[in-house]
């Protein structure tokens, strides 16, 4: 794994593209508010995604099932994190597939740094003041949800009330619930639970912490609720998951997260005009 600025940037971007060297320096130079992390090994990238604060992913899609599964993993575990797909095997069918799975943007290689930079800035809400949106009303709705997501990410270890999150977004509760589901593809409760379980996964690697300590530290009101939610998302109990980590130094394959009854997360994004 290689990083710029030792991960001290305000926004952390994970690059899993094997060809990232072609545009890595250009992005780092033009996105001073961001820090680039390059990890082309899929399993290590998943581990990093789970255990680090990643704000955006740029991934390569070579057209095979493993790449599709990796995209599903990113979108399922942290649906608020935008994923930009780049590919050297572009096709209309692949473009439709990645957008249906929740990709924020899609580029054919060779990637133009200018276009990729603008896509990243737009996804992270870093566009210059005065920049015009193709659909200002829809963009405003997304930005409101983005503010709420930032608030949730900073306060998920506490008791979160739907009313306070809606207020942060500047919406009524009913409007917020509807808009949140529309923009992310999942409910507010589902998002918070996944975020808390993602945090719990990090803590389970520390043998000194009990299950109740982990539960309360992640924002759950009791251990029973934590265990039930963890098993629903990960398909194993937190105790079983911890034992698997003791047998293997890295978390189980990301395929486990995709073995569930529900369909993949499909996050929507503001439409952009050509």
Protein backbone atom coordinates (compact mmCIF):
# COMPACT_ATOMS: atom_id res chain seq x y z
CA UNK A 1 0.00 0.00 0.00
CA UNK A 2 1.25 3.49 -0.85
CA UNK A 3 -0.17 6.76 0.36
CA UNK A 4 0.26 10.49 -0.09
CA UNK A 5 0.83 12.70 2.94
CA UNK A 6 0.64 9.68 5.28
CA UNK A 7 -3.16 9.75 5.25
CA UNK A 8 -3.30 13.23 6.81
CA UNK A 9 -5.48 14.72 4.10
CA UNK A 10 -9.00 15.88 4.87
CA UNK A 11 -10.53 13.45 2.39
CA UNK A 12 -9.09 9.97 1.85
CA UNK A 13 -9.38 8.43 -1.60
CA UNK A 14 -8.73 4.72 -2.09
CA UNK A 15 -7.33 3.82 -5.53
CA UNK A 16 -7.59 0.10 -6.35
CA UNK A 17 -6.87 0.53 -10.06
CA UNK A 18 -3.62 -1.24 -11.15
CA UNK A 19 -3.07 1.62 -13.60
CA UNK A 20 -3.45 4.32 -10.93
CA UNK A 21 0.20 5.33 -11.39
CA UNK A 22 -0.85 6.95 -14.68
CA UNK A 23 -2.96 9.58 -12.92
CA UNK A 24 -2.07 9.32 -9.22
CA UNK A 25 0.38 12.23 -9.20
CA UNK A 26 -1.90 14.42 -11.29
CA UNK A 27 -4.79 13.87 -8.89
CA UNK A 28 -2.64 14.46 -5.81
CA UNK A 29 -1.36 17.73 -7.26
CA UNK A 30 -4.81 19.04 -8.21
CA UNK A 31 -6.67 17.78 -5.12
CA UNK A 32 -4.68 19.28 -2.27
CA UNK A 33 -7.59 18.71 0.12
CA UNK A 34 -7.41 14.97 -0.52
CA UNK A 35 -5.03 12.13 0.30
CA UNK A 36 -4.51 9.27 -2.17
CA UNK A 37 -4.13 5.69 -0.93
CA UNK A 38 -3.16 3.08 -3.53
CA UNK A 39 -3.96 -0.59 -2.83
CA UNK A 40 -4.42 -2.87 -5.85
CA UNK A 41 -4.79 -6.15 -3.95
CA UNK A 42 -8.55 -6.74 -3.63
CA UNK A 43 -8.50 -8.42 -0.20
CA UNK A 44 -6.16 -5.81 1.27
CA UNK A 45 -8.27 -3.04 -0.26
CA UNK A 46 -11.38 -4.50 1.42
CA UNK A 47 -9.58 -4.72 4.74
CA UNK A 48 -8.45 -1.11 4.40
CA UNK A 49 -11.96 -0.02 3.43
CA UNK A 50 -13.38 -1.70 6.52
CA UNK A 51 -10.81 -0.47 9.01
CA UNK A 52 -10.00 3.05 7.72
CA UNK A 53 -11.93 6.23 7.10
CA UNK A 54 -12.18 6.20 3.32
CA UNK A 55 -14.22 8.99 1.69
CA UNK A 56 -14.18 7.83 -1.95
CA UNK A 57 -13.04 4.83 -4.01
CA UNK A 58 -11.67 4.75 -7.56
CA UNK A 59 -11.71 1.12 -8.73
CA UNK A 60 -10.87 -0.72 -11.92
CA UNK A 61 -13.44 -3.03 -13.50
CA UNK A 62 -11.92 -5.55 -15.91
CA UNK A 63 -15.31 -6.97 -16.81
CA UNK A 64 -15.28 -10.13 -14.68
CA UNK A 65 -17.46 -11.22 -11.77
CA UNK A 66 -14.84 -10.53 -9.08
CA UNK A 67 -14.82 -6.83 -9.97
CA UNK A 68 -18.60 -6.69 -9.82
CA UNK A 69 -18.49 -8.40 -6.43
CA UNK A 70 -15.92 -5.88 -5.20
CA UNK A 71 -18.15 -3.00 -6.27
CA UNK A 72 -21.09 -4.61 -4.48
CA UNK A 73 -18.96 -4.93 -1.35
CA UNK A 74 -18.02 -1.23 -1.34
CA UNK A 75 -21.62 -0.15 -1.92
CA UNK A 76 -23.08 -2.54 0.66
CA UNK A 77 -20.72 -1.90 3.56
CA UNK A 78 -20.57 1.91 3.30
CA UNK A 79 -23.23 3.16 0.88
CA UNK A 80 -22.37 6.80 1.60
CA UNK A 81 -18.87 6.36 0.13
CA UNK A 82 -18.95 7.21 -3.60
CA UNK A 83 -17.33 4.70 -5.96
CA UNK A 84 -15.96 5.77 -9.34
CA UNK A 85 -15.32 2.97 -11.84
CA UNK A 86 -12.61 3.09 -14.52
CA UNK A 87 -12.18 0.38 -17.15
CA UNK A 88 -10.22 -0.56 -20.24
CA UNK A 89 -13.01 -2.90 -21.35
CA UNK A 90 -15.81 -0.42 -21.55
CA UNK A 91 -19.18 -1.35 -22.99
CA UNK A 92 -22.72 -0.11 -22.72
CA UNK A 93 -23.65 -3.27 -20.84
CA UNK A 94 -20.88 -2.77 -18.27
CA UNK A 95 -21.80 0.88 -17.80
CA UNK A 96 -25.43 -0.07 -17.11
CA UNK A 97 -24.31 -2.75 -14.64
CA UNK A 98 -22.02 -0.52 -12.56
CA UNK A 99 -24.54 2.31 -12.39
CA UNK A 100 -27.26 -0.13 -11.29
CA UNK A 101 -24.95 -1.30 -8.52
CA UNK A 102 -24.51 2.26 -7.31
CA UNK A 103 -21.35 3.58 -8.98
CA UNK A 104 -21.13 7.35 -8.81
CA UNK A 105 -19.35 7.73 -12.15
CA UNK A 106 -17.78 5.67 -14.93
CA UNK A 107 -14.78 6.34 -17.18
CA UNK A 108 -13.12 4.47 -20.02
CA UNK A 109 -9.32 4.30 -20.03
CA UNK A 110 -7.11 6.13 -20.65
CA UNK A 111 -8.53 8.33 -17.91
CA UNK A 112 -8.24 12.09 -18.31
CA UNK A 113 -7.04 13.53 -14.99
CA UNK A 114 -9.14 16.67 -15.48
CA UNK A 115 -12.38 14.70 -15.88
CA UNK A 116 -11.60 12.34 -13.00
CA UNK A 117 -10.63 15.24 -10.74
CA UNK A 118 -13.91 17.06 -11.45
CA UNK A 119 -15.89 13.89 -10.77
CA UNK A 120 -14.12 13.42 -7.43
CA UNK A 121 -14.61 17.04 -6.44
CA UNK A 122 -18.30 16.84 -7.30
CA UNK A 123 -18.78 13.57 -5.39
CA UNK A 124 -17.09 14.98 -2.29
CA UNK A 125 -18.88 18.31 -2.45
CA UNK A 126 -15.70 20.23 -3.25
CA UNK A 127 -16.92 22.11 -6.32
CA UNK A 128 -16.00 25.82 -6.38
CA UNK A 129 -18.63 28.25 -5.21
CA UNK A 130 -20.68 29.50 -8.10
CA UNK A 131 -20.38 26.26 -10.02
CA UNK A 132 -23.61 25.44 -11.84
CA UNK A 133 -25.35 22.12 -11.51
CA UNK A 134 -27.15 20.38 -14.34
CA UNK A 135 -30.10 20.01 -12.05
CA UNK A 136 -29.78 22.42 -9.12
CA UNK A 137 -32.85 21.18 -7.29
CA UNK A 138 -31.71 17.56 -7.34
CA UNK A 139 -28.15 18.58 -6.47
CA UNK A 140 -29.48 20.55 -3.49
CA UNK A 141 -31.32 17.47 -2.24
CA UNK A 142 -28.17 15.37 -2.51
CA UNK A 143 -26.09 18.01 -0.72
CA UNK A 144 -28.60 18.08 2.15
CA UNK A 145 -28.35 14.32 2.53
CA UNK A 146 -24.56 14.55 2.26
CA UNK A 147 -24.53 16.97 5.22
CA UNK A 148 -26.70 14.59 7.21
CA UNK A 149 -24.41 11.67 6.38
CA UNK A 150 -21.40 13.65 7.57
CA UNK A 151 -23.22 14.34 10.83
CA UNK A 152 -24.16 10.67 11.23
CA UNK A 153 -20.58 9.57 10.54
CA UNK A 154 -19.32 11.89 13.28
CA UNK A 155 -21.97 10.97 15.88
CA UNK A 156 -23.03 7.36 15.23
CA UNK A 157 -21.52 6.23 18.55
CA UNK A 158 -24.14 8.31 20.34
CA UNK A 159 -27.89 7.93 20.44
CA UNK A 160 -29.16 9.37 17.17
CA UNK A 161 -32.66 10.74 16.85
CA UNK A 162 -34.23 10.88 13.43
CA UNK A 163 -35.58 14.35 14.18
CA UNK A 164 -32.12 15.81 14.85
CA UNK A 165 -30.68 14.28 11.67
CA UNK A 166 -33.58 15.66 9.64
CA UNK A 167 -32.95 19.08 11.18
CA UNK A 168 -29.28 18.85 10.18
CA UNK A 169 -30.42 18.26 6.60
CA UNK A 170 -32.90 21.14 6.82
CA UNK A 171 -35.89 18.87 6.19
CA UNK A 172 -38.96 17.57 7.94
CA UNK A 173 -38.69 14.01 9.24
CA UNK A 174 -40.93 12.58 6.52
CA UNK A 175 -39.13 14.48 3.76
CA UNK A 176 -35.74 13.39 5.10
CA UNK A 177 -36.71 9.72 5.28
CA UNK A 178 -38.03 9.82 1.73
CA UNK A 179 -35.04 11.74 0.33
CA UNK A 180 -32.46 9.65 2.19
CA UNK A 181 -33.92 6.43 0.78
CA UNK A 182 -34.11 7.97 -2.70
CA UNK A 183 -30.48 9.13 -2.71
CA UNK A 184 -28.79 6.17 -0.98
CA UNK A 185 -31.12 3.28 -1.79
CA UNK A 186 -31.43 2.29 1.89
CA UNK A 187 -33.23 3.58 4.97
CA UNK A 188 -31.68 5.80 7.62
CA UNK A 189 -31.78 2.95 10.16
CA UNK A 190 -30.07 0.51 7.81
CA UNK A 191 -27.32 3.02 7.09
CA UNK A 192 -26.64 3.67 10.79
CA UNK A 193 -26.59 -0.05 11.58
CA UNK A 194 -24.10 -0.78 8.80
CA UNK A 195 -21.90 2.08 9.93
CA UNK A 196 -21.90 0.81 13.51
CA UNK A 197 -21.12 -2.75 12.44
CA UNK A 198 -18.26 -1.47 10.30
CA UNK A 199 -16.85 0.17 13.43
CA UNK A 200 -17.44 -3.00 15.44
CA UNK A 201 -15.39 -5.00 12.94
CA UNK A 202 -12.38 -2.81 13.76
CA UNK A 203 -12.90 -3.27 17.51
CA UNK A 204 -13.29 -7.04 17.26
CA UNK A 205 -9.64 -7.19 16.27
CA UNK A 206 -8.73 -5.99 19.77
CA UNK A 207 -8.86 -9.00 22.07
CA UNK A 208 -9.03 -6.86 25.19
CA UNK A 209 -12.52 -5.54 24.47
CA UNK A 210 -15.61 -7.44 25.61
CA UNK A 211 -18.72 -7.74 23.47
CA UNK A 212 -20.65 -5.37 25.71
CA UNK A 213 -17.86 -2.78 25.52
CA UNK A 214 -17.86 -2.99 21.74
CA UNK A 215 -21.64 -2.76 21.61
CA UNK A 216 -21.82 0.43 23.67
CA UNK A 217 -18.78 1.98 21.95
CA UNK A 218 -20.47 1.56 18.57
CA UNK A 219 -23.72 3.18 19.67
CA UNK A 220 -25.86 0.12 20.46
CA UNK A 221 -28.04 0.32 23.57
CA UNK A 222 -27.34 -3.28 24.61
CA UNK A 223 -25.33 -6.34 23.65
CA UNK A 224 -28.36 -8.30 22.44
CA UNK A 225 -29.23 -5.64 19.86
CA UNK A 226 -25.59 -5.50 18.77
CA UNK A 227 -25.33 -9.29 18.33
CA UNK A 228 -28.60 -9.53 16.42
CA UNK A 229 -27.68 -6.65 14.09
CA UNK A 230 -24.15 -7.96 13.50
CA UNK A 231 -25.43 -11.41 12.56
CA UNK A 232 -28.05 -9.95 10.24
CA UNK A 233 -25.41 -8.00 8.31
CA UNK A 234 -22.41 -10.35 8.48
CA UNK A 235 -24.26 -13.70 8.57
CA UNK A 236 -22.17 -14.75 11.59
CA UNK A 237 -22.21 -13.74 15.25
CA UNK A 238 -19.58 -11.25 16.46
CA UNK A 239 -17.99 -13.98 18.60
CA UNK A 240 -17.66 -16.30 15.59
CA UNK A 241 -16.23 -13.45 13.56
CA UNK A 242 -13.62 -12.70 16.24
CA UNK A 243 -12.59 -16.37 16.32
CA UNK A 244 -12.15 -16.33 12.54
CA UNK A 245 -9.78 -13.38 12.92
CA UNK A 246 -7.71 -15.34 15.43
CA UNK A 247 -7.33 -18.14 12.89
CA UNK A 248 -6.57 -15.76 10.02
CA UNK A 249 -4.75 -12.40 10.24
CA UNK A 250 -7.11 -10.68 7.82
CA UNK A 251 -10.94 -10.57 7.84
CA UNK A 252 -12.85 -13.27 5.96
CA UNK A 253 -13.31 -12.77 2.24
CA UNK A 254 -15.53 -9.87 1.28
CA UNK A 255 -17.76 -12.41 -0.45
CA UNK A 256 -19.33 -13.12 2.95
CA UNK A 257 -20.92 -9.71 3.02
CA UNK A 258 -22.65 -10.43 -0.26
CA UNK A 259 -24.25 -13.68 0.87
CA UNK A 260 -27.53 -12.23 1.97
CA UNK A 261 -31.14 -12.40 0.94
CA UNK A 262 -31.56 -8.75 0.07
CA UNK A 263 -30.55 -7.32 -3.30
CA UNK A 264 -27.40 -5.17 -3.68
CA UNK A 265 -27.57 -1.53 -2.59
CA UNK A 266 -28.44 0.76 -5.43
CA UNK A 267 -27.54 4.33 -4.58
CA UNK A 268 -28.80 7.02 -6.87
CA UNK A 269 -26.89 10.11 -7.84
CA UNK A 270 -27.80 13.49 -9.25
CA UNK A 271 -28.10 13.30 -13.01
CA UNK A 272 -25.45 15.19 -14.91
CA UNK A 273 -26.08 16.79 -18.29
CA UNK A 274 -23.48 16.13 -21.03
